[in-house]
Every structure is written in C-alpha cells, then in structure tokens.
C-alpha atoms as a PDB file:
ATOM      1  CA  MET A   1      10.015  -7.939  -4.282  1.00  0.00           C
ATOM      2  CA  HIS A   2       7.048  -7.345  -6.544  1.00  0.00           C
ATOM      3  CA  GLU A   3       7.001  -4.136  -8.566  1.00  0.00           C
ATOM      4  CA  ILE A   4       4.008  -2.175  -9.788  1.00  0.00           C
ATOM      5  CA  ASP A   5       4.296   0.697 -12.247  1.00  0.00           C
ATOM      6  CA  VAL A   6       1.546   3.296 -11.992  1.00  0.00           C
ATOM      7  CA  ARG A   7       3.320   6.034 -13.948  1.00  0.00           C
ATOM      8  CA  GLY A   8       0.999   7.945 -16.240  1.00  0.00           C
ATOM      9  CA  LEU A   9      -2.018   7.355 -13.994  1.00  0.00           C
ATOM     10  CA  GLN A  10      -3.636  10.133 -11.999  1.00  0.00           C
ATOM     11  CA  ALA A  11      -5.667   9.949  -8.796  1.00  0.00           C
ATOM     12  CA  PRO A  12      -7.524   7.852  -7.890  1.00  0.00           C
ATOM     13  CA  PHE A  13      -6.203   5.213 -10.314  1.00  0.00           C
ATOM     14  CA  PRO A  14      -2.710   4.680  -8.818  1.00  0.00           C
ATOM     15  CA  ILE A  15      -4.237   3.860  -5.416  1.00  0.00           C
ATOM     16  CA  LEU A  16      -6.818   1.559  -6.997  1.00  0.00           C
ATOM     17  CA  LYS A  17      -4.136  -0.355  -8.905  1.00  0.00           C
ATOM     18  CA  ILE A  18      -1.878  -0.590  -5.828  1.00  0.00           C
ATOM     19  CA  ARG A  19      -4.819  -1.721  -3.672  1.00  0.00           C
ATOM     20  CA  ARG A  20      -5.706  -4.448  -6.181  1.00  0.00           C
ATOM     21  CA  ALA A  21      -2.091  -5.676  -6.269  1.00  0.00           C
ATOM     22  CA  LEU A  22      -1.852  -5.761  -2.465  1.00  0.00           C
ATOM     23  CA  ALA A  23      -5.184  -7.579  -2.148  1.00  0.00           C
ATOM     24  CA  ALA A  24      -3.825 -10.436  -4.258  1.00  0.00           C
ATOM     25  CA  MET A  25      -0.802 -10.902  -1.964  1.00  0.00           C
ATOM     26  CA  GLU A  26      -0.241 -12.576   1.363  1.00  0.00           C
ATOM     27  CA  PRO A  27       0.472 -10.461   4.471  1.00  0.00           C
ATOM     28  CA  GLY A  28       4.132  -9.543   4.846  1.00  0.00           C
ATOM     29  CA  ILE A  29       4.854  -9.414   1.104  1.00  0.00           C
ATOM     30  CA  LYS A  30       6.610  -6.220  -0.009  1.00  0.00           C
ATOM     31  CA  ILE A  31       6.027  -4.298  -3.207  1.00  0.00           C
ATOM     32  CA  LYS A  32       7.754  -1.409  -4.888  1.00  0.00           C
ATOM     33  CA  ALA A  33       5.442   1.120  -6.542  1.00  0.00           C
ATOM     34  CA  ILE A  34       6.756   3.562  -9.138  1.00  0.00           C
ATOM     35  CA  ALA A  35       4.583   6.606  -9.785  1.00  0.00           C
ATOM     36  CA  ASP A  36       4.685  10.118 -11.176  1.00  0.00           C
ATOM     37  CA  ASP A  37       1.478  11.577  -9.703  1.00  0.00           C
ATOM     38  CA  PRO A  38       2.410  13.981  -6.877  1.00  0.00           C
ATOM     39  CA  ALA A  39      -0.981  13.340  -5.238  1.00  0.00           C
ATOM     40  CA  LEU A  40       0.400   9.974  -4.064  1.00  0.00           C
ATOM     41  CA  ILE A  41       2.723  11.778  -1.648  1.00  0.00           C
ATOM     42  CA  ALA A  42      -0.325  12.419   0.554  1.00  0.00           C
ATOM     43  CA  ASP A  43      -2.711   9.729  -0.707  1.00  0.00           C
ATOM     44  CA  LEU A  44      -0.536   6.630  -0.308  1.00  0.00           C
ATOM     45  CA  PRO A  45       0.384   7.098   3.384  1.00  0.00           C
ATOM     46  CA  ALA A  46      -3.289   7.768   4.164  1.00  0.00           C
ATOM     47  CA  PHE A  47      -4.349   4.660   2.231  1.00  0.00           C
ATOM     48  CA  CYS A  48      -1.751   2.503   4.002  1.00  0.00           C
ATOM     49  CA  GLN A  49      -2.836   3.719   7.424  1.00  0.00           C
ATOM     50  CA  GLN A  50      -6.518   3.160   6.657  1.00  0.00           C
ATOM     51  CA  ALA A  51      -5.984  -0.283   5.104  1.00  0.00           C
ATOM     52  CA  GLY A  52      -3.453  -1.605   7.618  1.00  0.00           C
ATOM     53  CA  HIS A  53      -0.476  -1.738   5.266  1.00  0.00           C
ATOM     54  CA  ARG A  54       2.974  -0.355   6.077  1.00  0.00           C
ATOM     55  CA  LEU A  55       4.715   2.328   4.039  1.00  0.00           C
ATOM     56  CA  ILE A  56       8.374   1.408   4.474  1.00  0.00           C
ATOM     57  CA  MET A  57      10.048   3.975   2.267  1.00  0.00           C
ATOM     58  CA  ALA A  58       9.266   6.832  -0.089  1.00  0.00           C
ATOM     59  CA  HIS A  59      11.643   8.928  -2.155  1.00  0.00           C
ATOM     60  CA  GLN A  60      11.764  10.935  -5.330  1.00  0.00           C
ATOM     61  CA  GLN A  61      14.118  10.101  -8.185  1.00  0.00           C
ATOM     62  CA  GLY A  62      13.831  12.800 -10.824  1.00  0.00           C
ATOM     63  CA  SER A  63      10.163  12.968 -11.780  1.00  0.00           C
ATOM     64  CA  GLN A  64       9.507   9.483 -10.405  1.00  0.00           C
ATOM     65  CA  LEU A  65       8.174   8.679  -6.960  1.00  0.00           C
ATOM     66  CA  ILE A  66       9.340   5.367  -5.508  1.00  0.00           C
ATOM     67  CA  PHE A  67       7.403   3.732  -2.675  1.00  0.00           C
ATOM     68  CA  GLU A  68       8.068   0.498  -0.826  1.00  0.00           C
ATOM     69  CA  LEU A  69       5.083  -1.031   0.964  1.00  0.00           C
ATOM     70  CA  GLU A  70       4.423  -4.122   3.017  1.00  0.00           C
ATOM     71  CA  ARG A  71       1.104  -5.928   2.800  1.00  0.00           C
ATOM     72  CA  GLY A  72      -0.686  -5.798   6.134  1.00  0.00           C
ATOM     73  CA  ALA A  73      -2.878  -8.472   7.671  1.00  0.00           C
ATOM     74  CA  ARG A  74      -6.030  -9.343   5.822  1.00  0.00           C
ATOM     75  CA  GLN A  75      -9.169  -7.691   7.190  1.00  0.00           C
ATOM     76  CA  ALA A  76     -10.525 -11.080   8.304  1.00  0.00           C
ATOM     77  CA  ASP A  77      -7.257 -11.708  10.190  1.00  0.00           C
ATOM     78  CA  LEU A  78      -7.591  -8.337  11.906  1.00  0.00           C
ATOM     79  CA  ASN A  79     -11.160  -9.081  12.957  1.00  0.00           C
ATOM     80  CA  VAL A  80     -10.163 -12.446  14.488  1.00  0.00           C
ATOM     81  CA  THR A  81      -7.208 -10.884  16.315  1.00  0.00           C
ATOM     82  CA  GLU A  82      -9.375  -8.065  17.664  1.00  0.00           C
ATOM     83  CA  ALA A  83     -12.026 -10.550  18.817  1.00  0.00           C
ATOM     84  CA  LEU A  84      -9.423 -12.673  20.611  1.00  0.00           C
ATOM     85  CA  GLN A  85      -7.985  -9.615  22.357  1.00  0.00           C
ATOM     86  CA  GLU A  86     -11.427  -8.475  23.472  1.00  0.00           C
ATOM     87  CA  ALA A  87     -12.267 -11.966  24.775  1.00  0.00           C
ATOM     88  CA  SER A  88      -9.212 -12.118  27.049  1.00  0.00           C
END
C-alpha cells in the first residue's frame, strides 16, 4: 500500500497532494494518508465522493489522522461506462 504524509499541511493543500497522488495511480490501488489537519475529517470524504474514490477507513491516533483510500475509476473510464449503460 502506498503511503502519503500530509502532516503539517493545512487546507486545501492536503487534498491537493492526495488528489495528485491518486491521479498518478491505477484504479483499485489503495493508499494510506497520514494527516494532522482536522479539516480533512469533513473534506476528504467529500472529495472522495465527488471524485469517485472510496474512503475505506478513517481513525485518529493521538494527533494524527489516518485515512485509507482506494483509487476509483478514471474519469474517462466512468464516461465510457455511463455511455455504454445509456446505449443499452
């Protein structure tokens, strides 16, 4: 599992760094994100839902926030799938 450390960064930079890491990966790949910005508690689930990724787990360990995410389908893949569903 890939790991990304965004401790010390404050919104919106943790999301931007996580988004960049996910964009470089293939769908289905999982990453662990370690953060300390409490804004991610609300921001990361919203980002995942909007971008089509899956938030698998979130918990707090001391002052650290630990998130496990799974890379969703690429936007182009989603568009093809949607088009095929509409055509049938």
